[in-house]
PDB file of all heavy atoms in Angstrom:
ATOM      1  N   VAL A   1     -35.722 -77.326 112.073  1.00  0.00           N
ATOM      2  CA  VAL A   1     -35.252 -78.340 113.012  1.00  0.00           C
ATOM      3  C   VAL A   1     -34.330 -77.668 114.024  1.00  0.00           C
ATOM      4  O   VAL A   1     -33.329 -77.066 113.674  1.00  0.00           O
ATOM      5  CB  VAL A   1     -34.492 -79.476 112.284  1.00  0.00           C
ATOM      6  CG1 VAL A   1     -34.108 -80.554 113.253  1.00  0.00           C
ATOM      7  CG2 VAL A   1     -35.425 -80.104 111.189  1.00  0.00           C
ATOM      8  N   ASN A   2     -34.727 -77.798 115.289  1.00  0.00           N
ATOM      9  CA  ASN A   2     -33.934 -77.145 116.371  1.00  0.00           C
ATOM     10  C   ASN A   2     -33.659 -75.672 116.062  1.00  0.00           C
ATOM     11  O   ASN A   2     -32.583 -75.114 116.291  1.00  0.00           O
ATOM     12  CB  ASN A   2     -32.642 -77.876 116.597  1.00  0.00           C
ATOM     13  CG  ASN A   2     -32.809 -79.267 117.094  1.00  0.00           C
ATOM     14  OD1 ASN A   2     -33.711 -79.507 117.952  1.00  0.00           O
ATOM     15  ND2 ASN A   2     -32.044 -80.206 116.641  1.00  0.00           N
ATOM     16  N   GLY A   3     -34.718 -75.040 115.536  1.00  0.00           N
ATOM     17  CA  GLY A   3     -34.635 -73.586 115.296  1.00  0.00           C
ATOM     18  C   GLY A   3     -34.000 -73.147 113.968  1.00  0.00           C
ATOM     19  O   GLY A   3     -33.990 -71.965 113.637  1.00  0.00           O
ATOM     20  N   LYS A   4     -33.428 -74.080 113.178  1.00  0.00           N
ATOM     21  CA  LYS A   4     -32.857 -73.789 111.869  1.00  0.00           C
ATOM     22  C   LYS A   4     -33.718 -74.216 110.770  1.00  0.00           C
ATOM     23  O   LYS A   4     -34.154 -75.394 110.723  1.00  0.00           O
ATOM     24  CB  LYS A   4     -31.458 -74.392 111.782  1.00  0.00           C
ATOM     25  CG  LYS A   4     -30.761 -74.136 110.421  1.00  0.00           C
ATOM     26  CD  LYS A   4     -29.371 -74.711 110.388  1.00  0.00           C
ATOM     27  CE  LYS A   4     -28.775 -74.648 108.975  1.00  0.00           C
ATOM     28  NZ  LYS A   4     -28.924 -73.344 108.348  1.00  0.00           N
ATOM     29  N   ASP A   5     -33.951 -73.379 109.789  1.00  0.00           N
ATOM     30  CA  ASP A   5     -34.731 -73.748 108.604  1.00  0.00           C
ATOM     31  C   ASP A   5     -34.059 -74.859 107.811  1.00  0.00           C
ATOM     32  O   ASP A   5     -32.818 -74.708 107.465  1.00  0.00           O
ATOM     33  CB  ASP A   5     -34.959 -72.531 107.694  1.00  0.00           C
ATOM     34  CG  ASP A   5     -35.851 -71.460 108.335  1.00  0.00           C
ATOM     35  OD1 ASP A   5     -36.543 -71.775 109.322  1.00  0.00           O
ATOM     36  OD2 ASP A   5     -35.878 -70.299 107.806  1.00  0.00           O
ATOM     37  N   HIS A   6     -34.731 -75.898 107.556  1.00  0.00           N
ATOM     38  CA  HIS A   6     -34.178 -77.081 106.931  1.00  0.00           C
ATOM     39  C   HIS A   6     -34.756 -77.285 105.506  1.00  0.00           C
ATOM     40  O   HIS A   6     -34.017 -77.658 104.615  1.00  0.00           O
ATOM     41  CB  HIS A   6     -34.411 -78.279 107.791  1.00  0.00           C
ATOM     42  CG  HIS A   6     -34.006 -79.617 107.172  1.00  0.00           C
ATOM     43  ND1 HIS A   6     -32.709 -79.967 106.974  1.00  0.00           N
ATOM     44  CD2 HIS A   6     -34.758 -80.685 106.639  1.00  0.00           C
ATOM     45  CE1 HIS A   6     -32.659 -81.180 106.391  1.00  0.00           C
ATOM     46  NE2 HIS A   6     -33.879 -81.570 106.159  1.00  0.00           N
ATOM     47  N   ALA A   7     -36.033 -77.111 105.338  1.00  0.00           N
ATOM     48  CA  ALA A   7     -36.686 -77.390 104.053  1.00  0.00           C
ATOM     49  C   ALA A   7     -37.896 -76.494 103.904  1.00  0.00           C
ATOM     50  O   ALA A   7     -38.421 -75.968 104.885  1.00  0.00           O
ATOM     51  CB  ALA A   7     -37.098 -78.847 103.952  1.00  0.00           C
ATOM     52  N   VAL A   8     -38.356 -76.243 102.661  1.00  0.00           N
ATOM     53  CA  VAL A   8     -39.567 -75.568 102.407  1.00  0.00           C
ATOM     54  C   VAL A   8     -40.388 -76.370 101.401  1.00  0.00           C
ATOM     55  O   VAL A   8     -39.895 -76.824 100.392  1.00  0.00           O
ATOM     56  CB  VAL A   8     -39.314 -74.111 101.905  1.00  0.00           C
ATOM     57  CG1 VAL A   8     -38.464 -74.097 100.601  1.00  0.00           C
ATOM     58  CG2 VAL A   8     -40.653 -73.393 101.671  1.00  0.00           C
ATOM     59  N   PHE A   9     -41.662 -76.547 101.730  1.00  0.00           N
ATOM     60  CA  PHE A   9     -42.592 -77.266 100.883  1.00  0.00           C
ATOM     61  C   PHE A   9     -43.393 -76.181 100.146  1.00  0.00           C
ATOM     62  O   PHE A   9     -44.225 -75.447 100.758  1.00  0.00           O
ATOM     63  CB  PHE A   9     -43.509 -78.202 101.706  1.00  0.00           C
ATOM     64  CG  PHE A   9     -42.771 -79.210 102.465  1.00  0.00           C
ATOM     65  CD1 PHE A   9     -42.256 -78.939 103.723  1.00  0.00           C
ATOM     66  CD2 PHE A   9     -42.453 -80.422 101.886  1.00  0.00           C
ATOM     67  CE1 PHE A   9     -41.502 -79.872 104.445  1.00  0.00           C
ATOM     68  CE2 PHE A   9     -41.708 -81.407 102.615  1.00  0.00           C
ATOM     69  CZ  PHE A   9     -41.238 -81.099 103.839  1.00  0.00           C
ATOM     70  N   THR A  10     -43.157 -76.056  98.868  1.00  0.00           N
ATOM     71  CA  THR A  10     -43.574 -74.838  98.109  1.00  0.00           C
ATOM     72  C   THR A  10     -44.884 -74.998  97.358  1.00  0.00           C
ATOM     73  O   THR A  10     -45.313 -74.068  96.683  1.00  0.00           O
ATOM     74  CB  THR A  10     -42.465 -74.423  97.160  1.00  0.00           C
ATOM     75  OG1 THR A  10     -42.120 -75.548  96.331  1.00  0.00           O
ATOM     76  CG2 THR A  10     -41.258 -73.924  97.872  1.00  0.00           C
ATOM     77  N   GLY A  11     -45.533 -76.162  97.478  1.00  0.00           N
ATOM     78  CA  GLY A  11     -46.743 -76.337  96.740  1.00  0.00           C
ATOM     79  C   GLY A  11     -46.589 -76.078  95.265  1.00  0.00           C
ATOM     80  O   GLY A  11     -45.680 -76.626  94.655  1.00  0.00           O
ATOM     81  N   ASP A  12     -47.442 -75.230  94.667  1.00  0.00           N
ATOM     82  CA  ASP A  12     -47.314 -74.856  93.253  1.00  0.00           C
ATOM     83  C   ASP A  12     -46.749 -73.460  93.121  1.00  0.00           C
ATOM     84  O   ASP A  12     -46.885 -72.837  92.066  1.00  0.00           O
ATOM     85  CB  ASP A  12     -48.697 -74.959  92.593  1.00  0.00           C
ATOM     86  CG  ASP A  12     -49.093 -76.349  92.333  1.00  0.00           C
ATOM     87  OD1 ASP A  12     -48.542 -77.272  92.958  1.00  0.00           O
ATOM     88  OD2 ASP A  12     -50.088 -76.522  91.569  1.00  0.00           O
ATOM     89  N   THR A  13     -46.097 -72.924  94.153  1.00  0.00           N
ATOM     90  CA  THR A  13     -45.511 -71.587  94.039  1.00  0.00           C
ATOM     91  C   THR A  13     -44.113 -71.706  93.382  1.00  0.00           C
ATOM     92  O   THR A  13     -43.933 -71.120  92.303  1.00  0.00           O
ATOM     93  CB  THR A  13     -45.337 -70.893  95.391  1.00  0.00           C
ATOM     94  OG1 THR A  13     -46.667 -70.827  96.010  1.00  0.00           O
ATOM     95  CG2 THR A  13     -44.773 -69.560  95.284  1.00  0.00           C
ATOM     96  N   LEU A  14     -43.207 -72.432  93.968  1.00  0.00           N
ATOM     97  CA  LEU A  14     -41.860 -72.586  93.371  1.00  0.00           C
ATOM     98  C   LEU A  14     -41.646 -74.056  93.004  1.00  0.00           C
ATOM     99  O   LEU A  14     -41.803 -74.981  93.849  1.00  0.00           O
ATOM    100  CB  LEU A  14     -40.794 -72.163  94.386  1.00  0.00           C
ATOM    101  CG  LEU A  14     -39.328 -72.353  93.980  1.00  0.00           C
ATOM    102  CD1 LEU A  14     -39.029 -71.531  92.753  1.00  0.00           C
ATOM    103  CD2 LEU A  14     -38.425 -71.952  95.172  1.00  0.00           C
ATOM    104  N   PHE A  15     -41.371 -74.274  91.750  1.00  0.00           N
ATOM    105  CA  PHE A  15     -41.006 -75.595  91.244  1.00  0.00           C
ATOM    106  C   PHE A  15     -39.507 -75.669  91.074  1.00  0.00           C
ATOM    107  O   PHE A  15     -38.790 -74.674  91.192  1.00  0.00           O
ATOM    108  CB  PHE A  15     -41.711 -75.913  89.933  1.00  0.00           C
ATOM    109  CG  PHE A  15     -43.232 -75.937  90.036  1.00  0.00           C
ATOM    110  CD1 PHE A  15     -43.997 -75.204  89.139  1.00  0.00           C
ATOM    111  CD2 PHE A  15     -43.864 -76.707  90.973  1.00  0.00           C
ATOM    112  CE1 PHE A  15     -45.390 -75.280  89.189  1.00  0.00           C
ATOM    113  CE2 PHE A  15     -45.225 -76.727  91.088  1.00  0.00           C
ATOM    114  CZ  PHE A  15     -45.995 -76.027  90.166  1.00  0.00           C
ATOM    115  N   ILE A  16     -39.033 -76.831  90.692  1.00  0.00           N
ATOM    116  CA  ILE A  16     -37.576 -76.943  90.302  1.00  0.00           C
ATOM    117  C   ILE A  16     -37.508 -76.500  88.876  1.00  0.00           C
ATOM    118  O   ILE A  16     -38.052 -77.117  87.967  1.00  0.00           O
ATOM    119  CB  ILE A  16     -37.098 -78.447  90.462  1.00  0.00           C
ATOM    120  CG1 ILE A  16     -37.477 -79.014  91.842  1.00  0.00           C
ATOM    121  CG2 ILE A  16     -35.593 -78.463  90.250  1.00  0.00           C
ATOM    122  CD1 ILE A  16     -37.091 -78.211  93.026  1.00  0.00           C
ATOM    123  N   GLY A  17     -36.855 -75.331  88.695  1.00  0.00           N
ATOM    124  CA  GLY A  17     -36.703 -74.787  87.356  1.00  0.00           C
ATOM    125  C   GLY A  17     -37.777 -73.882  86.852  1.00  0.00           C
ATOM    126  O   GLY A  17     -37.771 -73.412  85.744  1.00  0.00           O
ATOM    127  N   ASP A  18     -38.824 -73.648  87.698  1.00  0.00           N
ATOM    128  CA  ASP A  18     -39.987 -72.906  87.226  1.00  0.00           C
ATOM    129  C   ASP A  18     -40.754 -72.341  88.488  1.00  0.00           C
ATOM    130  O   ASP A  18     -40.382 -72.612  89.609  1.00  0.00           O
ATOM    131  CB  ASP A  18     -40.887 -73.793  86.421  1.00  0.00           C
ATOM    132  CG  ASP A  18     -41.856 -73.073  85.502  1.00  0.00           C
ATOM    133  OD1 ASP A  18     -41.835 -71.779  85.505  1.00  0.00           O
ATOM    134  OD2 ASP A  18     -42.622 -73.739  84.757  1.00  0.00           O
ATOM    135  N   VAL A  19     -41.798 -71.635  88.188  1.00  0.00           N
ATOM    136  CA  VAL A  19     -42.758 -71.229  89.226  1.00  0.00           C
ATOM    137  C   VAL A  19     -44.191 -71.560  88.717  1.00  0.00           C
ATOM    138  O   VAL A  19     -44.349 -71.813  87.519  1.00  0.00           O
ATOM    139  CB  VAL A  19     -42.676 -69.716  89.598  1.00  0.00           C
ATOM    140  CG1 VAL A  19     -41.405 -69.388  90.302  1.00  0.00           C
ATOM    141  CG2 VAL A  19     -42.857 -68.823  88.333  1.00  0.00           C
ATOM    142  N   GLY A  20     -45.115 -71.586  89.592  1.00  0.00           N
ATOM    143  CA  GLY A  20     -46.482 -71.943  89.190  1.00  0.00           C
ATOM    144  C   GLY A  20     -47.147 -70.943  88.218  1.00  0.00           C
ATOM    145  O   GLY A  20     -46.886 -69.728  88.327  1.00  0.00           O
ATOM    146  N   ARG A  21     -47.920 -71.438  87.278  1.00  0.00           N
ATOM    147  CA  ARG A  21     -48.597 -70.599  86.356  1.00  0.00           C
ATOM    148  C   ARG A  21     -49.621 -69.722  87.049  1.00  0.00           C
ATOM    149  O   ARG A  21     -50.269 -70.140  88.018  1.00  0.00           O
ATOM    150  CB  ARG A  21     -49.212 -71.458  85.276  1.00  0.00           C
ATOM    151  CG  ARG A  21     -50.342 -72.339  85.731  1.00  0.00           C
ATOM    152  CD  ARG A  21     -50.803 -73.322  84.632  1.00  0.00           C
ATOM    153  NE  ARG A  21     -51.321 -72.649  83.422  1.00  0.00           N
ATOM    154  CZ  ARG A  21     -51.650 -73.293  82.358  1.00  0.00           C
ATOM    155  NH1 ARG A  21     -51.587 -74.599  82.274  1.00  0.00           N
ATOM    156  NH2 ARG A  21     -52.147 -72.614  81.323  1.00  0.00           N
ATOM    157  N   PRO A  22     -49.862 -68.510  86.560  1.00  0.00           N
ATOM    158  CA  PRO A  22     -50.739 -67.593  87.239  1.00  0.00           C
ATOM    159  C   PRO A  22     -52.112 -67.403  86.603  1.00  0.00           C
ATOM    160  O   PRO A  22     -52.861 -66.476  86.918  1.00  0.00           O
ATOM    161  CB  PRO A  22     -49.968 -66.269  87.120  1.00  0.00           C
ATOM    162  CG  PRO A  22     -49.372 -66.346  85.804  1.00  0.00           C
ATOM    163  CD  PRO A  22     -49.036 -67.819  85.552  1.00  0.00           C
ATOM    164  N   ASP A  23     -52.492 -68.359  85.729  1.00  0.00           N
ATOM    165  CA  ASP A  23     -53.708 -68.118  84.943  1.00  0.00           C
ATOM    166  C   ASP A  23     -54.842 -69.159  85.207  1.00  0.00           C
ATOM    167  O   ASP A  23     -55.687 -69.337  84.355  1.00  0.00           O
ATOM    168  CB  ASP A  23     -53.375 -68.193  83.455  1.00  0.00           C
ATOM    169  CG  ASP A  23     -52.652 -69.423  83.001  1.00  0.00           C
ATOM    170  OD1 ASP A  23     -52.198 -70.210  83.883  1.00  0.00           O
ATOM    171  OD2 ASP A  23     -52.530 -69.723  81.819  1.00  0.00           O
ATOM    172  N   LEU A  24     -54.811 -69.765  86.406  1.00  0.00           N
ATOM    173  CA  LEU A  24     -55.796 -70.778  86.669  1.00  0.00           C
ATOM    174  C   LEU A  24     -56.956 -70.357  87.597  1.00  0.00           C
ATOM    175  O   LEU A  24     -57.879 -71.075  87.817  1.00  0.00           O
ATOM    176  CB  LEU A  24     -55.171 -72.018  87.291  1.00  0.00           C
ATOM    177  CG  LEU A  24     -54.094 -72.704  86.483  1.00  0.00           C
ATOM    178  CD1 LEU A  24     -53.611 -73.967  87.218  1.00  0.00           C
ATOM    179  CD2 LEU A  24     -54.619 -73.082  85.048  1.00  0.00           C
ATOM    180  N   ARG A  25     -56.838 -69.111  88.094  1.00  0.00           N
ATOM    181  CA  ARG A  25     -57.816 -68.682  89.104  1.00  0.00           C
ATOM    182  C   ARG A  25     -58.615 -67.419  88.678  1.00  0.00           C
ATOM    183  O   ARG A  25     -58.972 -66.614  89.526  1.00  0.00           O
ATOM    184  CB  ARG A  25     -57.112 -68.540  90.462  1.00  0.00           C
ATOM    185  CG  ARG A  25     -56.664 -69.844  91.035  1.00  0.00           C
ATOM    186  CD  ARG A  25     -57.820 -70.678  91.534  1.00  0.00           C
ATOM    187  NE  ARG A  25     -58.472 -70.029  92.637  1.00  0.00           N
ATOM    188  CZ  ARG A  25     -58.130 -70.171  93.888  1.00  0.00           C
ATOM    189  NH1 ARG A  25     -57.059 -70.882  94.245  1.00  0.00           N
ATOM    190  NH2 ARG A  25     -58.789 -69.567  94.873  1.00  0.00           N
ATOM    191  N   GLU A  26     -58.827 -67.294  87.385  1.00  0.00           N
ATOM    192  CA  GLU A  26     -59.549 -66.142  86.979  1.00  0.00           C
ATOM    193  C   GLU A  26     -61.080 -66.315  87.064  1.00  0.00           C
ATOM    194  O   GLU A  26     -61.789 -65.317  87.114  1.00  0.00           O
ATOM    195  CB  GLU A  26     -59.166 -65.847  85.498  1.00  0.00           C
ATOM    196  CG  GLU A  26     -57.716 -65.442  85.331  1.00  0.00           C
ATOM    197  CD  GLU A  26     -57.299 -65.042  83.878  1.00  0.00           C
ATOM    198  OE1 GLU A  26     -57.665 -65.824  82.962  1.00  0.00           O
ATOM    199  OE2 GLU A  26     -56.652 -64.017  83.793  1.00  0.00           O
ATOM    200  N   ASN A  27     -61.512 -67.524  87.142  1.00  0.00           N
ATOM    201  CA  ASN A  27     -62.954 -67.794  87.174  1.00  0.00           C
ATOM    202  C   ASN A  27     -63.404 -68.782  88.251  1.00  0.00           C
ATOM    203  O   ASN A  27     -64.638 -69.043  88.379  1.00  0.00           O
ATOM    204  CB  ASN A  27     -63.398 -68.327  85.819  1.00  0.00           C
ATOM    205  CG  ASN A  27     -63.124 -67.428  84.712  1.00  0.00           C
ATOM    206  OD1 ASN A  27     -63.581 -66.246  84.717  1.00  0.00           O
ATOM    207  ND2 ASN A  27     -62.338 -67.837  83.720  1.00  0.00           N
ATOM    208  N   VAL A  28     -62.503 -69.306  89.042  1.00  0.00           N
ATOM    209  CA  VAL A  28     -62.885 -70.374  90.042  1.00  0.00           C
ATOM    210  C   VAL A  28     -62.200 -70.102  91.381  1.00  0.00           C
ATOM    211  O   VAL A  28     -61.263 -69.336  91.454  1.00  0.00           O
ATOM    212  CB  VAL A  28     -62.516 -71.762  89.575  1.00  0.00           C
ATOM    213  CG1 VAL A  28     -63.254 -72.166  88.332  1.00  0.00           C
ATOM    214  CG2 VAL A  28     -60.991 -71.902  89.325  1.00  0.00           C
ATOM    215  N   GLY A  29     -62.779 -70.691  92.366  1.00  0.00           N
ATOM    216  CA  GLY A  29     -62.226 -70.599  93.721  1.00  0.00           C
ATOM    217  C   GLY A  29     -62.909 -69.504  94.625  1.00  0.00           C
ATOM    218  O   GLY A  29     -63.723 -68.735  94.102  1.00  0.00           O
ATOM    219  N   ASN A  30     -62.568 -69.482  95.880  1.00  0.00           N
ATOM    220  CA  ASN A  30     -63.097 -68.482  96.780  1.00  0.00           C
ATOM    221  C   ASN A  30     -62.651 -67.114  96.379  1.00  0.00           C
ATOM    222  O   ASN A  30     -63.447 -66.119  96.453  1.00  0.00           O
ATOM    223  CB  ASN A  30     -62.729 -68.818  98.175  1.00  0.00           C
ATOM    224  CG  ASN A  30     -63.363 -67.882  99.214  1.00  0.00           C
ATOM    225  OD1 ASN A  30     -64.593 -67.830  99.256  1.00  0.00           O
ATOM    226  ND2 ASN A  30     -62.569 -67.188 100.011  1.00  0.00           N
ATOM    227  N   LEU A  31     -61.374 -66.988  96.024  1.00  0.00           N
ATOM    228  CA  LEU A  31     -60.806 -65.726  95.498  1.00  0.00           C
ATOM    229  C   LEU A  31     -60.418 -65.895  94.081  1.00  0.00           C
ATOM    230  O   LEU A  31     -59.798 -66.858  93.717  1.00  0.00           O
ATOM    231  CB  LEU A  31     -59.561 -65.309  96.380  1.00  0.00           C
ATOM    232  CG  LEU A  31     -59.788 -64.899  97.790  1.00  0.00           C
ATOM    233  CD1 LEU A  31     -58.437 -64.601  98.432  1.00  0.00           C
ATOM    234  CD2 LEU A  31     -60.711 -63.665  97.879  1.00  0.00           C
ATOM    235  N   THR A  32     -60.856 -64.996  93.217  1.00  0.00           N
ATOM    236  CA  THR A  32     -60.447 -65.027  91.818  1.00  0.00           C
ATOM    237  C   THR A  32     -59.490 -63.820  91.618  1.00  0.00           C
ATOM    238  O   THR A  32     -59.534 -62.829  92.256  1.00  0.00           O
ATOM    239  CB  THR A  32     -61.638 -64.924  90.843  1.00  0.00           C
ATOM    240  OG1 THR A  32     -62.337 -63.728  91.152  1.00  0.00           O
ATOM    241  CG2 THR A  32     -62.552 -66.125  91.004  1.00  0.00           C
ATOM    242  N   ALA A  33     -58.638 -64.019  90.618  1.00  0.00           N
ATOM    243  CA  ALA A  33     -57.676 -62.918  90.308  1.00  0.00           C
ATOM    244  C   ALA A  33     -57.205 -63.089  88.837  1.00  0.00           C
ATOM    245  O   ALA A  33     -57.091 -64.163  88.362  1.00  0.00           O
ATOM    246  CB  ALA A  33     -56.451 -62.994  91.271  1.00  0.00           C
ATOM    247  N   GLN A  34     -56.983 -61.968  88.257  1.00  0.00           N
ATOM    248  CA  GLN A  34     -56.483 -62.006  86.870  1.00  0.00           C
ATOM    249  C   GLN A  34     -55.029 -62.427  86.859  1.00  0.00           C
ATOM    250  O   GLN A  34     -54.297 -62.298  87.816  1.00  0.00           O
ATOM    251  CB  GLN A  34     -56.585 -60.602  86.234  1.00  0.00           C
ATOM    252  CG  GLN A  34     -58.063 -60.147  86.071  1.00  0.00           C
ATOM    253  CD  GLN A  34     -58.881 -61.066  85.163  1.00  0.00           C
ATOM    254  OE1 GLN A  34     -58.469 -61.315  84.050  1.00  0.00           O
ATOM    255  NE2 GLN A  34     -59.959 -61.570  85.666  1.00  0.00           N
ATOM    256  N   ARG A  35     -54.634 -63.016  85.730  1.00  0.00           N
ATOM    257  CA  ARG A  35     -53.293 -63.599  85.613  1.00  0.00           C
ATOM    258  C   ARG A  35     -52.192 -62.566  85.875  1.00  0.00           C
ATOM    259  O   ARG A  35     -51.186 -62.909  86.473  1.00  0.00           O
ATOM    260  CB  ARG A  35     -53.132 -64.303  84.243  1.00  0.00           C
ATOM    261  CG  ARG A  35     -53.237 -63.428  83.051  1.00  0.00           C
ATOM    262  CD  ARG A  35     -53.297 -64.288  81.761  1.00  0.00           C
ATOM    263  NE  ARG A  35     -54.542 -65.024  81.751  1.00  0.00           N
ATOM    264  CZ  ARG A  35     -54.794 -65.967  80.800  1.00  0.00           C
ATOM    265  NH1 ARG A  35     -53.939 -66.230  79.906  1.00  0.00           N
ATOM    266  NH2 ARG A  35     -55.946 -66.630  80.844  1.00  0.00           N
ATOM    267  N   GLU A  36     -52.336 -61.378  85.370  1.00  0.00           N
ATOM    268  CA  GLU A  36     -51.314 -60.361  85.594  1.00  0.00           C
ATOM    269  C   GLU A  36     -51.189 -60.043  87.031  1.00  0.00           C
ATOM    270  O   GLU A  36     -50.078 -59.868  87.572  1.00  0.00           O
ATOM    271  CB  GLU A  36     -51.581 -59.062  84.789  1.00  0.00           C
ATOM    272  CG  GLU A  36     -50.498 -58.028  84.969  1.00  0.00           C
ATOM    273  CD  GLU A  36     -50.666 -56.839  84.055  1.00  0.00           C
ATOM    274  OE1 GLU A  36     -51.161 -56.963  82.963  1.00  0.00           O
ATOM    275  OE2 GLU A  36     -50.332 -55.748  84.488  1.00  0.00           O
ATOM    276  N   GLN A  37     -52.333 -59.943  87.752  1.00  0.00           N
ATOM    277  CA  GLN A  37     -52.317 -59.616  89.212  1.00  0.00           C
ATOM    278  C   GLN A  37     -51.548 -60.717  89.929  1.00  0.00           C
ATOM    279  O   GLN A  37     -50.725 -60.446  90.821  1.00  0.00           O
ATOM    280  CB  GLN A  37     -53.720 -59.468  89.703  1.00  0.00           C
ATOM    281  CG  GLN A  37     -53.822 -59.249  91.220  1.00  0.00           C
ATOM    282  CD  GLN A  37     -55.245 -59.305  91.687  1.00  0.00           C
ATOM    283  OE1 GLN A  37     -56.214 -59.351  90.910  1.00  0.00           O
ATOM    284  NE2 GLN A  37     -55.458 -59.301  92.992  1.00  0.00           N
ATOM    285  N   LEU A  38     -51.891 -61.966  89.588  1.00  0.00           N
ATOM    286  CA  LEU A  38     -51.236 -63.102  90.278  1.00  0.00           C
ATOM    287  C   LEU A  38     -49.746 -63.171  89.885  1.00  0.00           C
ATOM    288  O   LEU A  38     -48.892 -63.544  90.764  1.00  0.00           O
ATOM    289  CB  LEU A  38     -51.901 -64.418  89.924  1.00  0.00           C
ATOM    290  CG  LEU A  38     -53.208 -64.658  90.690  1.00  0.00           C
ATOM    291  CD1 LEU A  38     -53.941 -65.896  90.167  1.00  0.00           C
ATOM    292  CD2 LEU A  38     -52.993 -64.797  92.192  1.00  0.00           C
ATOM    293  N   ALA A  39     -49.409 -62.862  88.653  1.00  0.00           N
ATOM    294  CA  ALA A  39     -48.001 -62.918  88.272  1.00  0.00           C
ATOM    295  C   ALA A  39     -47.187 -61.887  89.079  1.00  0.00           C
ATOM    296  O   ALA A  39     -46.026 -62.133  89.487  1.00  0.00           O
ATOM    297  CB  ALA A  39     -47.825 -62.590  86.814  1.00  0.00           C
ATOM    298  N   ARG A  40     -47.773 -60.695  89.350  1.00  0.00           N
ATOM    299  CA  ARG A  40     -47.118 -59.725  90.148  1.00  0.00           C
ATOM    300  C   ARG A  40     -46.974 -60.200  91.609  1.00  0.00           C
ATOM    301  O   ARG A  40     -45.933 -59.932  92.265  1.00  0.00           O
ATOM    302  CB  ARG A  40     -47.893 -58.374  90.111  1.00  0.00           C
ATOM    303  CG  ARG A  40     -47.829 -57.717  88.707  1.00  0.00           C
ATOM    304  CD  ARG A  40     -48.367 -56.342  88.656  1.00  0.00           C
ATOM    305  NE  ARG A  40     -48.368 -55.835  87.315  1.00  0.00           N
ATOM    306  CZ  ARG A  40     -47.263 -55.344  86.723  1.00  0.00           C
ATOM    307  NH1 ARG A  40     -46.122 -55.253  87.369  1.00  0.00           N
ATOM    308  NH2 ARG A  40     -47.326 -54.899  85.441  1.00  0.00           N
ATOM    309  N   GLN A  41     -48.026 -60.879  92.076  1.00  0.00           N
ATOM    310  CA  GLN A  41     -47.877 -61.465  93.430  1.00  0.00           C
ATOM    311  C   GLN A  41     -46.744 -62.507  93.532  1.00  0.00           C
ATOM    312  O   GLN A  41     -46.021 -62.615  94.509  1.00  0.00           O
ATOM    313  CB  GLN A  41     -49.231 -62.036  93.874  1.00  0.00           C
ATOM    314  CG  GLN A  41     -50.304 -60.999  94.135  1.00  0.00           C
ATOM    315  CD  GLN A  41     -51.630 -61.586  94.497  1.00  0.00           C
ATOM    316  OE1 GLN A  41     -51.798 -62.792  94.455  1.00  0.00           O
ATOM    317  NE2 GLN A  41     -52.590 -60.765  94.886  1.00  0.00           N
ATOM    318  N   MET A  42     -46.655 -63.284  92.442  1.00  0.00           N
ATOM    319  CA  MET A  42     -45.614 -64.277  92.354  1.00  0.00           C
ATOM    320  C   MET A  42     -44.243 -63.657  92.405  1.00  0.00           C
ATOM    321  O   MET A  42     -43.306 -64.133  93.067  1.00  0.00           O
ATOM    322  CB  MET A  42     -45.760 -65.148  91.106  1.00  0.00           C
ATOM    323  CG  MET A  42     -44.655 -66.227  90.968  1.00  0.00           C
ATOM    324  SD  MET A  42     -44.835 -67.544  92.227  1.00  0.00           S
ATOM    325  CE  MET A  42     -46.222 -68.527  91.475  1.00  0.00           C
TER     326      MET A  42
END
């Protein structure tokens, strides 16, 4: 807002008290990735 960061909508990346699980995209989606690879990206 007026050039200053006010909020971030984090989807399933950052939760309150947690982060998103990394084991849901090993077999589905346009891009698949193993849980360890995604955990490192997280």
